Amino acid sequence: MMAAPVIHPTAIVDEGAVIGAGCKIWHFSHVLSGSRIGENCILGQNVMVGPDVVIGSGCKIQNNVSIYKGVTLEEDVFCGPSCVFTNVLTPRAFVERKNEFMPTRVQKGATIGANAVIICGVTIGEYAMIGASAVVTKDVSAQALVLGNPARRTGWVSRSGEVLGSDLVCVRSGERYEEKNSQLILKG
């Protein structure tokens, strides 16, 4: 049987938000109405989610991250401290643009490093690794390692997050990969 969510007394969960079993929501966090958080997620201090955001099971969202409407995190996504998601390309305080929010999808197992910026409208592929302080302005391939501003692919990572050498063999798992058509494929 799954444990009930643990919600710190300073956290706020709005009516209409759904929090999965086994979740932990820490100090000064806020989950807005219509948001759905899967099982066994951890939301660190000062995390804001929503409204109407979907977060899959097993996600870890570190301190000071805001996940706005239009962002979807699939299962097992890691968001490093103070990473940033945007939801409109050309914001102005005096121009209403809520109808211009662009969807952003972070696929299963991806990692976003501390202080990285994810510009809205992109998809980050499964098990991709976004380096600390990278600025992602376009889609990221599955298992790609991207660094810099703007973020560019500098290599590949295994599903367990190890940077792959030229032999494309994971030192942690022993998994072997090959590159085909600018994509990484698991062998056999």
Protein backbone atom coordinates (compact mmCIF):
# COMPACT_ATOMS: atom_id res chain seq x y z
CA MET A 1 0.00 0.00 0.00
CA MET A 2 1.32 3.43 -0.96
CA ALA A 3 1.92 6.03 1.72
CA ALA A 4 -0.22 9.13 1.81
CA PRO A 5 1.42 12.31 0.51
CA VAL A 6 3.50 14.32 2.98
CA ILE A 7 2.76 18.03 2.66
CA HIS A 8 4.70 20.49 4.81
CA PRO A 9 2.45 22.83 6.84
CA THR A 10 3.79 25.88 4.95
CA ALA A 11 2.96 24.37 1.54
CA ILE A 12 -0.32 25.22 -0.19
CA VAL A 13 -2.27 22.74 -2.31
CA ASP A 14 -5.25 24.40 -3.97
CA GLU A 15 -8.64 22.74 -4.21
CA GLY A 16 -8.84 20.75 -7.43
CA ALA A 17 -5.16 19.74 -7.45
CA VAL A 18 -4.42 16.00 -7.35
CA ILE A 19 -1.37 14.75 -5.44
CA GLY A 20 -0.30 11.12 -5.89
CA ALA A 21 0.51 8.67 -3.11
CA GLY A 22 4.00 8.82 -1.67
CA CYS A 23 4.65 12.42 -2.74
CA LYS A 24 6.57 14.86 -0.57
CA ILE A 25 5.90 18.58 -0.91
CA TRP A 26 8.24 20.76 1.12
CA HIS A 27 8.42 24.26 2.62
CA PHE A 28 6.66 27.19 0.95
CA SER A 29 5.63 25.27 -2.18
CA HIS A 30 2.35 25.89 -4.00
CA VAL A 31 0.39 23.49 -6.22
CA LEU A 32 -2.34 25.34 -8.09
CA SER A 33 -5.79 24.10 -9.04
CA GLY A 34 -6.13 21.63 -11.88
CA SER A 35 -2.57 20.34 -11.54
CA ARG A 36 -1.97 16.59 -11.34
CA ILE A 37 1.12 15.15 -9.70
CA GLY A 38 1.83 11.42 -10.03
CA GLU A 39 3.02 9.07 -7.30
CA ASN A 40 6.32 9.31 -5.41
CA CYS A 41 7.29 12.80 -6.54
CA ILE A 42 9.39 15.19 -4.48
CA LEU A 43 8.83 18.94 -4.69
CA GLY A 44 11.57 20.83 -2.86
CA GLN A 45 11.33 24.15 -1.08
CA ASN A 46 9.63 27.06 -2.88
CA VAL A 47 8.35 25.07 -5.88
CA MET A 48 5.32 26.40 -7.77
CA VAL A 49 3.24 24.12 -10.02
CA GLY A 50 0.32 25.16 -12.16
CA PRO A 51 -2.34 25.80 -12.81
CA ASP A 52 -3.29 22.77 -14.91
CA VAL A 53 0.18 21.22 -15.03
CA VAL A 54 0.78 17.46 -15.36
CA ILE A 55 3.74 15.88 -13.59
CA GLY A 56 4.34 12.15 -13.99
CA SER A 57 5.28 9.72 -11.24
CA GLY A 58 8.78 9.61 -9.80
CA CYS A 59 9.76 13.21 -10.62
CA LYS A 60 12.16 15.19 -8.43
CA ILE A 61 11.84 18.95 -8.57
CA GLN A 62 14.50 20.77 -6.60
CA ASN A 63 14.21 24.11 -4.78
CA ASN A 64 13.00 27.32 -6.45
CA VAL A 65 11.48 25.84 -9.63
CA SER A 66 8.24 27.17 -11.16
CA ILE A 67 6.39 24.91 -13.57
CA TYR A 68 3.82 26.96 -15.44
CA LYS A 69 0.70 26.10 -17.38
CA GLY A 70 1.68 24.45 -20.65
CA VAL A 71 4.56 22.42 -19.16
CA THR A 72 4.27 18.64 -18.93
CA LEU A 73 6.82 16.47 -17.13
CA GLU A 74 6.61 12.76 -17.92
CA GLU A 75 7.77 10.08 -15.46
CA ASP A 76 11.12 10.20 -13.62
CA VAL A 77 12.11 13.73 -14.70
CA PHE A 78 14.70 15.57 -12.59
CA CYS A 79 14.57 19.38 -12.41
CA GLY A 80 17.68 20.87 -10.82
CA PRO A 81 17.60 23.82 -8.42
CA SER A 82 16.31 27.08 -9.87
CA CYS A 83 15.83 25.79 -13.41
CA VAL A 84 13.40 27.95 -15.35
CA PHE A 85 10.49 27.18 -17.67
CA THR A 86 8.89 29.89 -19.78
CA ASN A 87 5.41 29.71 -21.33
CA VAL A 88 5.24 32.63 -23.78
CA LEU A 89 7.89 33.84 -26.25
CA THR A 90 7.38 37.59 -26.14
CA PRO A 91 6.04 38.59 -22.72
CA ARG A 92 5.01 42.12 -21.82
CA ALA A 93 3.55 43.08 -18.47
CA PHE A 94 0.88 45.23 -20.14
CA VAL A 95 -0.14 42.76 -22.92
CA GLU A 96 -2.38 39.79 -22.04
CA ARG A 97 -0.90 36.69 -23.71
CA LYS A 98 -2.45 33.75 -21.85
CA ASN A 99 -3.90 32.50 -25.14
CA GLU A 100 -0.34 32.34 -26.53
CA PHE A 101 1.11 29.89 -23.97
CA MET A 102 3.22 27.32 -25.82
CA PRO A 103 3.39 23.70 -24.68
CA THR A 104 6.66 22.29 -23.38
CA ARG A 105 7.16 18.55 -22.87
CA VAL A 106 9.94 16.94 -20.88
CA GLN A 107 9.95 13.23 -21.66
CA LYS A 108 10.61 10.27 -19.41
CA GLY A 109 13.84 10.18 -17.44
CA ALA A 110 15.24 13.51 -18.65
CA THR A 111 17.42 15.67 -16.40
CA ILE A 112 17.49 19.47 -16.36
CA GLY A 113 20.52 20.95 -14.60
CA ALA A 114 20.59 23.74 -12.05
CA ASN A 115 19.75 27.21 -13.41
CA ALA A 116 19.00 25.90 -16.93
CA VAL A 117 16.40 27.85 -18.91
CA ILE A 118 13.84 26.02 -21.05
CA ILE A 119 12.24 28.32 -23.62
CA CYS A 120 8.62 27.33 -24.25
CA GLY A 121 7.50 25.25 -27.21
CA VAL A 122 10.24 22.63 -27.06
CA THR A 123 10.32 18.90 -26.39
CA ILE A 124 13.17 17.43 -24.38
CA GLY A 125 13.61 13.77 -25.35
CA GLU A 126 13.72 10.73 -23.10
CA TYR A 127 16.78 10.49 -20.83
CA ALA A 128 18.29 13.70 -22.26
CA MET A 129 20.69 15.64 -20.03
CA ILE A 130 20.49 19.44 -19.97
CA GLY A 131 23.66 20.91 -18.43
CA ALA A 132 23.62 23.46 -15.64
CA SER A 133 22.86 26.99 -16.89
CA ALA A 134 22.13 25.81 -20.45
CA VAL A 135 19.52 27.76 -22.43
CA VAL A 136 17.34 25.37 -24.43
CA THR A 137 15.79 27.10 -27.46
CA LYS A 138 14.94 24.07 -29.63
CA ASP A 139 13.98 20.41 -29.31
CA VAL A 140 16.52 18.09 -27.67
CA SER A 141 16.96 14.51 -28.94
CA ALA A 142 16.54 11.53 -26.63
CA GLN A 143 19.71 10.85 -24.61
CA ALA A 144 21.45 13.97 -25.92
CA LEU A 145 23.82 15.90 -23.67
CA VAL A 146 23.31 19.62 -24.33
CA LEU A 147 25.36 22.48 -22.89
CA GLY A 148 25.73 26.22 -23.35
CA ASN A 149 23.78 29.26 -24.49
CA PRO A 150 22.13 28.46 -26.76
CA ALA A 151 22.27 24.78 -25.80
CA ARG A 152 23.97 22.51 -28.34
CA ARG A 153 24.49 18.76 -28.32
CA THR A 154 28.01 17.96 -27.14
CA GLY A 155 27.57 14.23 -26.68
CA TRP A 156 25.30 11.43 -25.57
CA VAL A 157 24.29 10.01 -22.20
CA SER A 158 23.14 6.53 -21.24
CA ARG A 159 19.73 5.90 -19.73
CA SER A 160 21.44 5.88 -16.32
CA GLY A 161 22.91 9.35 -16.96
CA GLU A 162 26.55 8.51 -17.70
CA VAL A 163 28.27 10.53 -20.41
CA LEU A 164 29.15 8.09 -23.20
CA GLY A 165 32.63 7.93 -24.68
CA SER A 166 33.40 7.29 -28.33
CA ASP A 167 32.71 3.55 -27.84
CA LEU A 168 29.11 4.42 -26.80
CA VAL A 169 29.24 1.93 -23.90
CA CYS A 170 27.81 2.92 -20.52
CA VAL A 171 30.40 2.45 -17.76
CA ARG A 172 27.63 2.02 -15.16
CA SER A 173 25.26 -0.43 -16.86
CA GLY A 174 27.31 -1.93 -19.68
CA GLU A 175 24.58 -0.97 -22.15
CA ARG A 176 25.87 -0.55 -25.69
CA TYR A 177 24.54 2.08 -28.05
CA GLU A 178 24.99 3.08 -31.67
CA GLU A 179 24.35 6.37 -33.44
CA LYS A 180 22.06 6.31 -36.48
CA ASN A 181 20.64 9.37 -38.24
CA SER A 182 21.71 11.67 -35.38
CA GLN A 183 19.85 9.50 -32.87
CA LEU A 184 21.19 7.17 -30.17
CA ILE A 185 19.90 3.58 -30.33
CA LEU A 186 20.34 0.84 -27.71
CA LYS A 187 21.95 -2.25 -29.23
CA GLY A 188 20.44 -5.71 -28.82
